[in-house]
C-alpha atoms as a PDB file:
ATOM      1  CA  UNK A   1      90.806  70.254  97.549  1.00  0.00           C
ATOM      2  CA  UNK A   2      93.868  72.878  97.965  1.00  0.00           C
ATOM      3  CA  UNK A   3      95.532  74.912  95.506  1.00  0.00           C
ATOM      4  CA  UNK A   4      99.545  75.550  95.830  1.00  0.00           C
ATOM      5  CA  UNK A   5      99.558  78.957  96.057  1.00  0.00           C
ATOM      6  CA  UNK A   6     103.299  79.369  95.148  1.00  0.00           C
ATOM      7  CA  UNK A   7     102.453  77.853  91.927  1.00  0.00           C
ATOM      8  CA  UNK A   8      99.834  80.054  91.385  1.00  0.00           C
ATOM      9  CA  UNK A   9     101.748  83.404  91.686  1.00  0.00           C
ATOM     10  CA  UNK A  10     104.221  81.737  89.478  1.00  0.00           C
ATOM     11  CA  UNK A  11     101.933  81.088  87.091  1.00  0.00           C
ATOM     12  CA  UNK A  12     100.540  84.272  87.641  1.00  0.00           C
ATOM     13  CA  UNK A  13     103.986  85.950  86.973  1.00  0.00           C
ATOM     14  CA  UNK A  14     104.687  84.293  83.695  1.00  0.00           C
ATOM     15  CA  UNK A  15     101.259  85.256  82.684  1.00  0.00           C
ATOM     16  CA  UNK A  16     101.556  88.761  83.298  1.00  0.00           C
ATOM     17  CA  UNK A  17     104.760  88.997  82.041  1.00  0.00           C
ATOM     18  CA  UNK A  18     103.019  87.316  78.917  1.00  0.00           C
ATOM     19  CA  UNK A  19     100.367  89.879  78.370  1.00  0.00           C
ATOM     20  CA  UNK A  20     102.626  93.123  79.532  1.00  0.00           C
ATOM     21  CA  UNK A  21     105.477  92.440  76.858  1.00  0.00           C
ATOM     22  CA  UNK A  22     102.635  91.680  74.024  1.00  0.00           C
ATOM     23  CA  UNK A  23     101.076  95.118  75.096  1.00  0.00           C
ATOM     24  CA  UNK A  24     104.189  96.602  74.864  1.00  0.00           C
ATOM     25  CA  UNK A  25     105.105  95.314  71.919  1.00  0.00           C
ATOM     26  CA  UNK A  26     102.015  96.323  70.001  1.00  0.00           C
ATOM     27  CA  UNK A  27     102.360 100.015  71.494  1.00  0.00           C
ATOM     28  CA  UNK A  28     105.949  99.717  69.775  1.00  0.00           C
ATOM     29  CA  UNK A  29     104.779  99.098  66.564  1.00  0.00           C
ATOM     30  CA  UNK A  30     101.626 100.760  66.227  1.00  0.00           C
ATOM     31  CA  UNK A  31     101.194 103.081  69.067  1.00  0.00           C
ATOM     32  CA  UNK A  32      98.296 105.134  67.533  1.00  0.00           C
ATOM     33  CA  UNK A  33      96.391 101.768  66.800  1.00  0.00           C
ATOM     34  CA  UNK A  34      97.150 100.375  70.147  1.00  0.00           C
ATOM     35  CA  UNK A  35      95.393 103.416  72.169  1.00  0.00           C
ATOM     36  CA  UNK A  36      92.864 103.102  70.108  1.00  0.00           C
ATOM     37  CA  UNK A  37      91.922  99.670  70.559  1.00  0.00           C
ATOM     38  CA  UNK A  38      92.054 100.314  74.059  1.00  0.00           C
ATOM     39  CA  UNK A  39      90.686 103.234  74.904  1.00  0.00           C
ATOM     40  CA  UNK A  40      87.547 101.207  72.943  1.00  0.00           C
ATOM     41  CA  UNK A  41      87.815  98.155  75.358  1.00  0.00           C
ATOM     42  CA  UNK A  42      87.968 100.971  78.739  1.00  0.00           C
ATOM     43  CA  UNK A  43      85.282 103.482  77.251  1.00  0.00           C
ATOM     44  CA  UNK A  44      87.808 106.150  77.824  1.00  0.00           C
ATOM     45  CA  UNK A  45      90.603 108.628  75.890  1.00  0.00           C
ATOM     46  CA  UNK A  46      93.724 107.026  76.565  1.00  0.00           C
ATOM     47  CA  UNK A  47      95.382 109.298  73.251  1.00  0.00           C
ATOM     48  CA  UNK A  48      96.847 111.905  76.108  1.00  0.00           C
ATOM     49  CA  UNK A  49      98.472 109.037  78.133  1.00  0.00           C
ATOM     50  CA  UNK A  50     100.061 107.581  75.143  1.00  0.00           C
ATOM     51  CA  UNK A  51     104.131 107.008  75.247  1.00  0.00           C
ATOM     52  CA  UNK A  52     106.657 105.627  73.207  1.00  0.00           C
ATOM     53  CA  UNK A  53     108.467 102.230  74.823  1.00  0.00           C
ATOM     54  CA  UNK A  54     112.139 102.205  75.671  1.00  0.00           C
ATOM     55  CA  UNK A  55     113.514  99.190  77.046  1.00  0.00           C
ATOM     56  CA  UNK A  56     113.803 101.217  80.514  1.00  0.00           C
ATOM     57  CA  UNK A  57     110.052 101.557  80.957  1.00  0.00           C
ATOM     58  CA  UNK A  58     109.717  97.977  79.606  1.00  0.00           C
ATOM     59  CA  UNK A  59     111.999  96.369  81.933  1.00  0.00           C
ATOM     60  CA  UNK A  60     110.844  98.382  85.203  1.00  0.00           C
ATOM     61  CA  UNK A  61     106.905  97.589  83.990  1.00  0.00           C
ATOM     62  CA  UNK A  62     106.895  93.822  83.514  1.00  0.00           C
ATOM     63  CA  UNK A  63     108.925  94.125  86.709  1.00  0.00           C
ATOM     64  CA  UNK A  64     106.448  95.378  88.633  1.00  0.00           C
ATOM     65  CA  UNK A  65     103.309  94.441  86.590  1.00  0.00           C
ATOM     66  CA  UNK A  66     104.291  90.716  87.041  1.00  0.00           C
ATOM     67  CA  UNK A  67     105.418  90.621  90.447  1.00  0.00           C
ATOM     68  CA  UNK A  68     102.309  92.373  91.454  1.00  0.00           C
ATOM     69  CA  UNK A  69      99.998  89.769  89.280  1.00  0.00           C
ATOM     70  CA  UNK A  70     102.273  87.213  91.449  1.00  0.00           C
ATOM     71  CA  UNK A  71     101.585  88.476  94.731  1.00  0.00           C
ATOM     72  CA  UNK A  72      97.904  88.910  94.116  1.00  0.00           C
ATOM     73  CA  UNK A  73      97.640  85.480  92.962  1.00  0.00           C
ATOM     74  CA  UNK A  74      99.853  83.768  95.761  1.00  0.00           C
ATOM     75  CA  UNK A  75      97.814  85.685  98.531  1.00  0.00           C
ATOM     76  CA  UNK A  76      94.185  84.522  96.247  1.00  0.00           C
ATOM     77  CA  UNK A  77      95.629  80.636  96.340  1.00  0.00           C
ATOM     78  CA  UNK A  78      96.649  81.539  99.978  1.00  0.00           C
ATOM     79  CA  UNK A  79      93.098  82.569 100.920  1.00  0.00           C
ATOM     80  CA  UNK A  80      91.459  80.265  99.074  1.00  0.00           C
ATOM     81  CA  UNK A  81      93.466  77.111 101.272  1.00  0.00           C
ATOM     82  CA  UNK A  82      92.264  78.837 104.526  1.00  0.00           C
ATOM     83  CA  UNK A  83      88.538  79.349 103.919  1.00  0.00           C
ATOM     84  CA  UNK A  84      88.683  75.934 102.558  1.00  0.00           C
ATOM     85  CA  UNK A  85      90.263  74.635 105.494  1.00  0.00           C
ATOM     86  CA  UNK A  86      88.144  76.302 107.802  1.00  0.00           C
ATOM     87  CA  UNK A  87      85.317  74.672 105.670  1.00  0.00           C
ATOM     88  CA  UNK A  88      86.359  71.299 106.167  1.00  0.00           C
ATOM     89  CA  UNK A  89      86.665  71.500 109.978  1.00  0.00           C
ATOM     90  CA  UNK A  90      83.380  73.357 110.179  1.00  0.00           C
ATOM     91  CA  UNK A  91      82.037  70.304 108.142  1.00  0.00           C
ATOM     92  CA  UNK A  92      83.104  67.426 109.735  1.00  0.00           C
ATOM     93  CA  UNK A  93      82.118  69.341 113.242  1.00  0.00           C
ATOM     94  CA  UNK A  94      85.166  69.919 114.281  1.00  0.00           C
ATOM     95  CA  UNK A  95      86.156  73.088 115.987  1.00  0.00           C
ATOM     96  CA  UNK A  96      88.370  75.511 114.117  1.00  0.00           C
ATOM     97  CA  UNK A  97      88.551  78.407 116.716  1.00  0.00           C
ATOM     98  CA  UNK A  98      87.453  80.377 114.062  1.00  0.00           C
ATOM     99  CA  UNK A  99      83.951  82.744 113.933  1.00  0.00           C
END
């Protein structure tokens, strides 16, 4: 089964934008609590890195985070499809030209 890599990439963009937005909202309304929660989850003290959320750093962050996630998902889909295609050819005894 092949994956639509482009659709996977766009889905990742949407999920990343939503999760980034939720995180930014939590930092904006309860910065100390959010930093404490993420410090607990990541086993590291994040309190020196705490910062306020502005519209500028929110928009820049959501854009960069979402695009990077989308590109990673697209590459993942492309690589999966490539490996599946190679496996299919090998299973049928078709020479794929790859080692």
